[in-house]
Amino acid sequence: MFTMKLLKTLQACLLTTVLLLVGCEYEIALSEPMGLPIDNAVLGTWTKLDKHGEVGRNPDQISIYAFSQGQYLVVDIGSNPLYFRAYPILINGLDCVQMKLLVDADELRNPEENTQEKEKLYMVIQYAIEDGNLIVSSLNPELVSRDITSTEELLEAVNAHADDPDLFGAKETYIR
């Protein structure tokens, strides 16, 4: 029988695995909100296409909601949904979205049980709408290390590769 502590550890491992698959994550934000307006074209529910460009069995889905004039609520739908606060940022002329994983309600109620190292909760995403599809990619960890622990270092690493077409990694495609 699972103990609560073992179950929380398994959930934390699953969350870490999901974040590694979803995007390149960091302990710190690249930027604070810049007051930029959200893009209404991305609002709604999106279904991820597989490597063959088709909707496979049990496809990943995300829903994007307007949270305020300058922020989104992004929900990674699944049996254990993940919630993100996101806001548009502009870095070196690149339109991006800074995302922060919102803390699980159980962690808020029982903070003493959370003995993990500092979690990597932030992601930087670049997106485009092409032919009605949402194309997303995250910072390439081969160019911008996941081990960076200060906003200044993260911005410096992004600036160092601003002209590199590989600054953002593999693209994922979502349809409505």
Protein backbone atom coordinates (compact mmCIF):
# COMPACT_ATOMS: atom_id res chain seq x y z
CA MET A 1 0.00 0.00 0.00
CA PHE A 2 1.32 3.46 -0.90
CA THR A 3 2.08 5.89 1.85
CA MET A 4 1.22 9.54 1.36
CA LYS A 5 4.91 10.48 1.30
CA LEU A 6 5.69 7.85 -1.39
CA LEU A 7 2.71 9.02 -3.41
CA LYS A 8 3.89 12.66 -3.21
CA THR A 9 7.40 11.57 -4.30
CA LEU A 10 5.96 9.71 -7.29
CA GLN A 11 3.84 12.74 -8.20
CA ALA A 12 6.92 14.99 -7.98
CA CYS A 13 8.88 12.62 -10.25
CA LEU A 14 6.00 12.55 -12.73
CA LEU A 15 5.76 16.34 -12.67
CA THR A 16 9.50 16.67 -13.31
CA THR A 17 9.27 14.22 -16.21
CA VAL A 18 6.32 16.10 -17.71
CA LEU A 19 8.16 19.42 -17.42
CA LEU A 20 11.22 17.98 -19.13
CA LEU A 21 9.00 16.87 -22.00
CA VAL A 22 6.98 20.09 -22.10
CA GLY A 23 9.89 22.49 -22.21
CA CYS A 24 13.15 23.76 -20.91
CA GLU A 25 12.65 24.80 -17.32
CA TYR A 26 14.45 27.16 -14.98
CA GLU A 27 14.44 28.09 -11.30
CA ILE A 28 14.05 31.76 -12.17
CA ALA A 29 12.06 33.86 -14.62
CA LEU A 30 13.75 35.34 -17.67
CA SER A 31 11.62 38.47 -17.30
CA GLU A 32 8.99 40.01 -15.12
CA PRO A 33 5.69 40.94 -16.83
CA MET A 34 6.20 43.73 -19.34
CA GLY A 35 2.58 44.86 -19.57
CA LEU A 36 2.23 43.52 -23.12
CA PRO A 37 -1.28 42.54 -24.27
CA ILE A 38 -2.18 38.89 -24.70
CA ASP A 39 -2.78 37.42 -28.15
CA ASN A 40 -6.47 36.49 -28.39
CA ALA A 41 -5.69 34.21 -31.36
CA VAL A 42 -4.16 31.61 -29.01
CA LEU A 43 -7.13 31.40 -26.65
CA GLY A 44 -9.03 28.12 -26.63
CA THR A 45 -8.29 24.41 -26.48
CA TRP A 46 -5.52 22.94 -28.62
CA THR A 47 -4.67 19.30 -29.38
CA LYS A 48 -1.08 18.24 -30.05
CA LEU A 49 -0.25 16.49 -33.32
CA ASP A 50 2.09 13.51 -33.21
CA LYS A 51 5.31 13.18 -35.23
CA HIS A 52 3.22 12.06 -38.24
CA GLY A 53 1.12 15.23 -38.13
CA GLU A 54 -1.94 13.38 -36.85
CA VAL A 55 -3.99 13.33 -33.68
CA GLY A 56 -2.82 10.10 -32.07
CA ARG A 57 -4.39 8.07 -29.28
CA ASN A 58 -4.71 10.07 -26.04
CA PRO A 59 -3.17 13.25 -27.47
CA ASP A 60 -1.85 16.02 -25.24
CA GLN A 61 -4.17 18.99 -24.96
CA ILE A 62 -3.79 22.49 -23.60
CA SER A 63 -6.38 25.14 -22.90
CA ILE A 64 -5.38 28.79 -22.90
CA TYR A 65 -7.57 31.36 -21.15
CA ALA A 66 -7.32 35.12 -20.75
CA PHE A 67 -6.51 35.69 -17.09
CA SER A 68 -6.17 39.46 -17.39
CA GLN A 69 -5.27 41.96 -20.10
CA GLY A 70 -1.62 40.92 -19.88
CA GLN A 71 -1.73 37.34 -18.58
CA TYR A 72 -2.90 33.89 -19.59
CA LEU A 73 -3.93 30.85 -17.62
CA VAL A 74 -2.60 27.79 -19.44
CA VAL A 75 -3.88 24.35 -18.47
CA ASP A 76 -2.05 21.22 -19.59
CA ILE A 77 -5.08 18.93 -19.62
CA GLY A 78 -4.75 15.37 -18.41
CA SER A 79 -5.60 13.10 -15.51
CA ASN A 80 -3.43 15.34 -13.29
CA PRO A 81 -3.69 18.80 -14.94
CA LEU A 82 -0.87 21.31 -14.69
CA TYR A 83 -1.68 25.01 -14.41
CA PHE A 84 0.57 27.82 -15.58
CA ARG A 85 0.44 31.59 -15.27
CA ALA A 86 1.87 33.06 -18.45
CA TYR A 87 2.53 36.50 -19.84
CA PRO A 88 3.96 37.87 -23.09
CA ILE A 89 7.53 39.15 -23.04
CA LEU A 90 9.78 40.69 -25.68
CA ILE A 91 13.43 39.59 -25.62
CA ASN A 92 15.80 40.91 -28.31
CA GLY A 93 12.85 41.59 -30.59
CA LEU A 94 11.53 38.03 -30.11
CA ASP A 95 7.91 37.66 -29.01
CA CYS A 96 7.88 35.02 -26.28
CA VAL A 97 5.76 33.89 -23.38
CA GLN A 98 7.14 33.47 -19.87
CA MET A 99 5.34 30.62 -18.09
CA LYS A 100 5.32 29.74 -14.40
CA LEU A 101 3.98 26.48 -13.05
CA LEU A 102 1.44 27.22 -10.35
CA VAL A 103 1.95 25.43 -7.04
CA ASP A 104 -0.18 22.39 -6.31
CA ALA A 105 -2.90 23.03 -3.71
CA ASP A 106 -1.62 20.08 -1.63
CA GLU A 107 1.82 21.70 -1.44
CA LEU A 108 0.24 24.92 -0.17
CA ARG A 109 -1.67 23.03 2.53
CA ASN A 110 1.31 20.90 3.59
CA PRO A 111 4.52 22.85 2.88
CA GLU A 112 6.51 20.86 5.48
CA GLU A 113 6.07 17.71 3.35
CA ASN A 114 7.74 19.40 0.37
CA THR A 115 11.40 18.61 1.01
CA GLN A 116 12.50 18.73 -2.63
CA GLU A 117 15.28 20.92 -3.90
CA LYS A 118 14.25 24.26 -5.35
CA GLU A 119 11.86 23.42 -8.16
CA LYS A 120 12.35 24.57 -11.72
CA LEU A 121 9.04 26.23 -12.40
CA TYR A 122 9.70 28.67 -15.25
CA MET A 123 9.69 28.15 -19.01
CA VAL A 124 10.15 30.48 -21.95
CA ILE A 125 8.06 29.61 -24.99
CA GLN A 126 8.06 31.03 -28.49
CA TYR A 127 4.92 30.52 -30.55
CA ALA A 128 3.34 31.31 -33.89
CA ILE A 129 -0.03 30.73 -35.50
CA GLU A 130 0.54 29.17 -38.93
CA ASP A 131 -2.35 28.04 -41.14
CA GLY A 132 -4.61 28.00 -38.06
CA ASN A 133 -2.19 25.80 -36.11
CA LEU A 134 -0.37 26.76 -32.93
CA ILE A 135 3.38 26.10 -33.28
CA VAL A 136 5.34 26.20 -30.00
CA SER A 137 8.96 25.68 -28.99
CA SER A 138 10.94 26.26 -25.83
CA LEU A 139 14.48 27.43 -25.19
CA ASN A 140 17.06 24.96 -26.44
CA PRO A 141 18.90 23.53 -23.39
CA GLU A 142 21.98 22.89 -25.54
CA LEU A 143 22.33 26.65 -25.98
CA VAL A 144 20.77 27.93 -22.75
CA SER A 145 21.66 25.65 -19.84
CA ARG A 146 18.96 24.49 -17.44
CA ASP A 147 21.46 24.98 -14.60
CA ILE A 148 21.35 28.79 -14.77
CA THR A 149 20.14 30.18 -11.44
CA SER A 150 19.92 33.96 -11.93
CA THR A 151 17.81 36.11 -14.21
CA GLU A 152 20.93 38.05 -15.27
CA GLU A 153 22.75 34.87 -16.36
CA LEU A 154 19.67 33.58 -18.15
CA LEU A 155 19.22 36.85 -20.04
CA GLU A 156 22.93 36.87 -20.88
CA ALA A 157 22.72 33.32 -22.28
CA VAL A 158 19.65 34.17 -24.36
CA ASN A 159 21.33 37.36 -25.63
CA ALA A 160 24.47 35.41 -26.56
CA HIS A 161 22.39 33.20 -28.89
CA ALA A 162 19.79 35.74 -30.02
CA ASP A 163 20.75 35.37 -33.69
CA ASP A 164 21.00 31.57 -33.57
CA PRO A 165 18.06 29.93 -35.37
CA ASP A 166 18.35 27.06 -32.88
CA LEU A 167 17.79 29.27 -29.80
CA PHE A 168 14.38 27.66 -29.53
CA GLY A 169 14.34 23.87 -29.90
CA ALA A 170 12.04 21.42 -31.64
CA LYS A 171 8.65 22.74 -32.64
CA GLU A 172 5.40 21.12 -31.55
CA THR A 173 2.18 21.61 -33.48
CA TYR A 174 -1.30 21.94 -31.99
CA ILE A 175 -4.65 22.17 -33.75
CA ARG A 176 -8.05 23.37 -32.52
